[in-house]
């Protein structure tokens, strides 16, 4: 009985990992990019 529960848990965890990797490779987790420019003041003495 306990062995069957562990098998089901392991199977669900494996499906979750495969789903997460597939979602990451699908391109939906890419951050939005934009160019940011800021002036920098340098103290050169």
PDB file of N, CA and C in Angstrom:
ATOM      1  N   UNK A   1       0.831  -1.204   0.000  1.00  0.00           N
ATOM      2  CA  UNK A   1       0.000   0.000   0.000  1.00  0.00           C
ATOM      3  C   UNK A   1       0.872   1.264   0.000  1.00  0.00           C
ATOM      4  N   UNK A   2       1.870   1.305   0.875  1.00  0.00           N
ATOM      5  CA  UNK A   2       2.756   2.474   0.943  1.00  0.00           C
ATOM      6  C   UNK A   2       3.573   2.576  -0.343  1.00  0.00           C
ATOM      7  N   UNK A   3       4.010   1.434  -0.870  1.00  0.00           N
ATOM      8  CA  UNK A   3       4.779   1.434  -2.112  1.00  0.00           C
ATOM      9  C   UNK A   3       3.978   2.000  -3.271  1.00  0.00           C
ATOM     10  N   UNK A   4       2.705   1.712  -3.321  1.00  0.00           N
ATOM     11  CA  UNK A   4       1.855   2.228  -4.389  1.00  0.00           C
ATOM     12  C   UNK A   4       1.704   3.744  -4.266  1.00  0.00           C
ATOM     13  N   UNK A   5       1.594   4.243  -3.049  1.00  0.00           N
ATOM     14  CA  UNK A   5       1.485   5.690  -2.825  1.00  0.00           C
ATOM     15  C   UNK A   5       2.768   6.386  -3.282  1.00  0.00           C
ATOM     16  N   UNK A   6       3.923   5.780  -2.968  1.00  0.00           N
ATOM     17  CA  UNK A   6       5.195   6.364  -3.409  1.00  0.00           C
ATOM     18  C   UNK A   6       5.310   6.351  -4.925  1.00  0.00           C
ATOM     19  N   UNK A   7       4.838   5.298  -5.575  1.00  0.00           N
ATOM     20  CA  UNK A   7       4.880   5.241  -7.034  1.00  0.00           C
ATOM     21  C   UNK A   7       4.007   6.332  -7.649  1.00  0.00           C
ATOM     22  N   UNK A   8       2.826   6.543  -7.099  1.00  0.00           N
ATOM     23  CA  UNK A   8       1.935   7.585  -7.611  1.00  0.00           C
ATOM     24  C   UNK A   8       2.548   8.962  -7.383  1.00  0.00           C
ATOM     25  N   UNK A   9       3.108   9.178  -6.198  1.00  0.00           N
ATOM     26  CA  UNK A   9       3.740  10.468  -5.895  1.00  0.00           C
ATOM     27  C   UNK A   9       4.922  10.713  -6.823  1.00  0.00           C
ATOM     28  N   UNK A  10       5.751   9.694  -7.045  1.00  0.00           N
ATOM     29  CA  UNK A  10       6.898   9.834  -7.923  1.00  0.00           C
ATOM     30  C   UNK A  10       6.446  10.122  -9.350  1.00  0.00           C
ATOM     31  N   UNK A  11       5.407   9.458  -9.807  1.00  0.00           N
ATOM     32  CA  UNK A  11       4.880   9.671 -11.149  1.00  0.00           C
ATOM     33  C   UNK A  11       4.352  11.097 -11.304  1.00  0.00           C
ATOM     34  N   UNK A  12       3.636  11.599 -10.325  1.00  0.00           N
ATOM     35  CA  UNK A  12       3.113  12.965 -10.385  1.00  0.00           C
ATOM     36  C   UNK A  12       4.241  14.000 -10.344  1.00  0.00           C
ATOM     37  N   UNK A  13       5.261  13.738  -9.523  1.00  0.00           N
ATOM     38  CA  UNK A  13       6.402  14.651  -9.461  1.00  0.00           C
ATOM     39  C   UNK A  13       7.147  14.660 -10.790  1.00  0.00           C
ATOM     40  N   UNK A  14       7.296  13.479 -11.402  1.00  0.00           N
ATOM     41  CA  UNK A  14       7.964  13.393 -12.697  1.00  0.00           C
ATOM     42  C   UNK A  14       7.171  14.135 -13.770  1.00  0.00           C
ATOM     43  N   UNK A  15       5.857  13.992 -13.768  1.00  0.00           N
ATOM     44  CA  UNK A  15       5.020  14.735 -14.714  1.00  0.00           C
ATOM     45  C   UNK A  15       5.150  16.240 -14.495  1.00  0.00           C
ATOM     46  N   UNK A  16       5.223  16.663 -13.243  1.00  0.00           N
ATOM     47  CA  UNK A  16       5.388  18.083 -12.940  1.00  0.00           C
ATOM     48  C   UNK A  16       6.699  18.633 -13.463  1.00  0.00           C
ATOM     49  N   UNK A  17       7.774  17.878 -13.278  1.00  0.00           N
ATOM     50  CA  UNK A  17       9.089  18.321 -13.762  1.00  0.00           C
ATOM     51  C   UNK A  17       9.102  18.382 -15.282  1.00  0.00           C
ATOM     52  N   UNK A  18       8.545  17.362 -15.933  1.00  0.00           N
ATOM     53  CA  UNK A  18       8.488  17.358 -17.395  1.00  0.00           C
ATOM     54  C   UNK A  18       7.635  18.524 -17.896  1.00  0.00           C
ATOM     55  N   UNK A  19       6.532  18.802 -17.230  1.00  0.00           N
ATOM     56  CA  UNK A  19       5.686  19.924 -17.615  1.00  0.00           C
ATOM     57  C   UNK A  19       6.384  21.257 -17.439  1.00  0.00           C
ATOM     58  N   UNK A  20       7.127  21.421 -16.351  1.00  0.00           N
ATOM     59  CA  UNK A  20       7.843  22.674 -16.105  1.00  0.00           C
ATOM     60  C   UNK A  20       8.943  22.886 -17.139  1.00  0.00           C
ATOM     61  N   UNK A  21       9.679  21.830 -17.458  1.00  0.00           N
ATOM     62  CA  UNK A  21      10.735  21.945 -18.468  1.00  0.00           C
ATOM     63  C   UNK A  21      10.121  22.261 -19.832  1.00  0.00           C
ATOM     64  N   UNK A  22       9.033  21.613 -20.163  1.00  0.00           N
ATOM     65  CA  UNK A  22       8.371  21.891 -21.426  1.00  0.00           C
ATOM     66  C   UNK A  22       7.851  23.317 -21.498  1.00  0.00           C
ATOM     67  N   UNK A  23       7.307  23.804 -20.411  1.00  0.00           N
ATOM     68  CA  UNK A  23       6.807  25.182 -20.364  1.00  0.00           C
ATOM     69  C   UNK A  23       7.961  26.175 -20.506  1.00  0.00           C
ATOM     70  N   UNK A  24       9.092  25.872 -19.873  1.00  0.00           N
ATOM     71  CA  UNK A  24      10.247  26.765 -19.957  1.00  0.00           C
ATOM     72  C   UNK A  24      10.805  26.803 -21.376  1.00  0.00           C
ATOM     73  N   UNK A  25      10.856  25.663 -22.037  1.00  0.00           N
ATOM     74  CA  UNK A  25      11.389  25.619 -23.394  1.00  0.00           C
ATOM     75  C   UNK A  25      10.406  26.149 -24.428  1.00  0.00           C
ATOM     76  N   UNK A  26       9.153  26.304 -24.078  1.00  0.00           N
ATOM     77  CA  UNK A  26       8.171  26.790 -25.041  1.00  0.00           C
ATOM     78  C   UNK A  26       8.334  28.282 -25.320  1.00  0.00           C
ATOM     79  N   UNK A  27       9.061  28.995 -24.489  1.00  0.00           N
ATOM     80  CA  UNK A  27       9.295  30.419 -24.708  1.00  0.00           C
ATOM     81  C   UNK A  27       8.324  31.304 -23.965  1.00  0.00           C
ATOM     82  N   UNK A  28       7.411  30.742 -23.207  1.00  0.00           N
ATOM     83  CA  UNK A  28       6.437  31.555 -22.494  1.00  0.00           C
ATOM     84  C   UNK A  28       7.007  32.177 -21.221  1.00  0.00           C
ATOM     85  N   UNK A  29       8.178  31.714 -20.794  1.00  0.00           N
ATOM     86  CA  UNK A  29       8.772  32.237 -19.561  1.00  0.00           C
ATOM     87  C   UNK A  29       9.855  33.276 -19.836  1.00  0.00           C
ATOM     88  N   UNK A  30       9.963  33.766 -21.076  1.00  0.00           N
ATOM     89  CA  UNK A  30      10.972  34.765 -21.380  1.00  0.00           C
ATOM     90  C   UNK A  30      10.535  36.119 -20.825  1.00  0.00           C
ATOM     91  N   UNK A  31      11.454  36.821 -20.186  1.00  0.00           N
ATOM     92  CA  UNK A  31      11.097  38.144 -19.643  1.00  0.00           C
ATOM     93  C   UNK A  31      10.976  39.169 -20.761  1.00  0.00           C
ATOM     94  N   UNK A  32      10.200  40.202 -20.494  1.00  0.00           N
ATOM     95  CA  UNK A  32      10.098  41.300 -21.445  1.00  0.00           C
ATOM     96  C   UNK A  32      11.374  42.117 -21.363  1.00  0.00           C
ATOM     97  N   UNK A  33      11.929  42.443 -22.503  1.00  0.00           N
ATOM     98  CA  UNK A  33      13.177  43.204 -22.516  1.00  0.00           C
ATOM     99  C   UNK A  33      12.925  44.572 -23.114  1.00  0.00           C
ATOM    100  N   UNK A  34      13.641  45.546 -22.606  1.00  0.00           N
ATOM    101  CA  UNK A  34      13.607  46.895 -23.145  1.00  0.00           C
ATOM    102  C   UNK A  34      14.933  47.564 -22.833  1.00  0.00           C
ATOM    103  N   UNK A  35      15.279  48.545 -23.629  1.00  0.00           N
ATOM    104  CA  UNK A  35      16.540  49.240 -23.450  1.00  0.00           C
ATOM    105  C   UNK A  35      16.351  50.394 -22.482  1.00  0.00           C
ATOM    106  N   UNK A  36      17.238  50.462 -21.507  1.00  0.00           N
ATOM    107  CA  UNK A  36      17.190  51.536 -20.509  1.00  0.00           C
ATOM    108  C   UNK A  36      18.521  52.280 -20.558  1.00  0.00           C
ATOM    109  N   UNK A  37      18.452  53.580 -20.727  1.00  0.00           N
ATOM    110  CA  UNK A  37      19.678  54.398 -20.704  1.00  0.00           C
ATOM    111  C   UNK A  37      19.562  55.407 -19.578  1.00  0.00           C
ATOM    112  N   UNK A  38      20.606  55.481 -18.808  1.00  0.00           N
ATOM    113  CA  UNK A  38      20.660  56.437 -17.698  1.00  0.00           C
ATOM    114  C   UNK A  38      22.006  57.142 -17.718  1.00  0.00           C
ATOM    115  N   UNK A  39      22.016  58.457 -17.507  1.00  0.00           N
ATOM    116  CA  UNK A  39      23.295  59.157 -17.442  1.00  0.00           C
ATOM    117  C   UNK A  39      24.028  58.831 -16.136  1.00  0.00           C
ATOM    118  N   UNK A  40      25.330  58.778 -16.244  1.00  0.00           N
ATOM    119  CA  UNK A  40      26.174  58.456 -15.078  1.00  0.00           C
ATOM    120  C   UNK A  40      27.112  59.618 -14.837  1.00  0.00           C
ATOM    121  N   UNK A  41      27.121  60.123 -13.611  1.00  0.00           N
ATOM    122  CA  UNK A  41      28.058  61.185 -13.231  1.00  0.00           C
ATOM    123  C   UNK A  41      29.281  60.547 -12.600  1.00  0.00           C
ATOM    124  N   UNK A  42      30.444  60.834 -13.170  1.00  0.00           N
ATOM    125  CA  UNK A  42      31.692  60.292 -12.636  1.00  0.00           C
ATOM    126  C   UNK A  42      32.454  61.409 -11.913  1.00  0.00           C
ATOM    127  N   UNK A  43      32.858  61.129 -10.676  1.00  0.00           N
ATOM    128  CA  UNK A  43      33.690  62.072  -9.915  1.00  0.00           C
ATOM    129  C   UNK A  43      35.146  61.733 -10.160  1.00  0.00           C
ATOM    130  N   UNK A  44      35.775  62.477 -11.043  1.00  0.00           N
ATOM    131  CA  UNK A  44      37.188  62.245 -11.349  1.00  0.00           C
ATOM    132  C   UNK A  44      37.951  63.445 -10.858  1.00  0.00           C
ATOM    133  N   UNK A  45      38.717  63.249  -9.787  1.00  0.00           N
ATOM    134  CA  UNK A  45      39.488  64.354  -9.206  1.00  0.00           C
ATOM    135  C   UNK A  45      40.950  64.097  -9.347  1.00  0.00           C
TER     136      UNK A  45
END
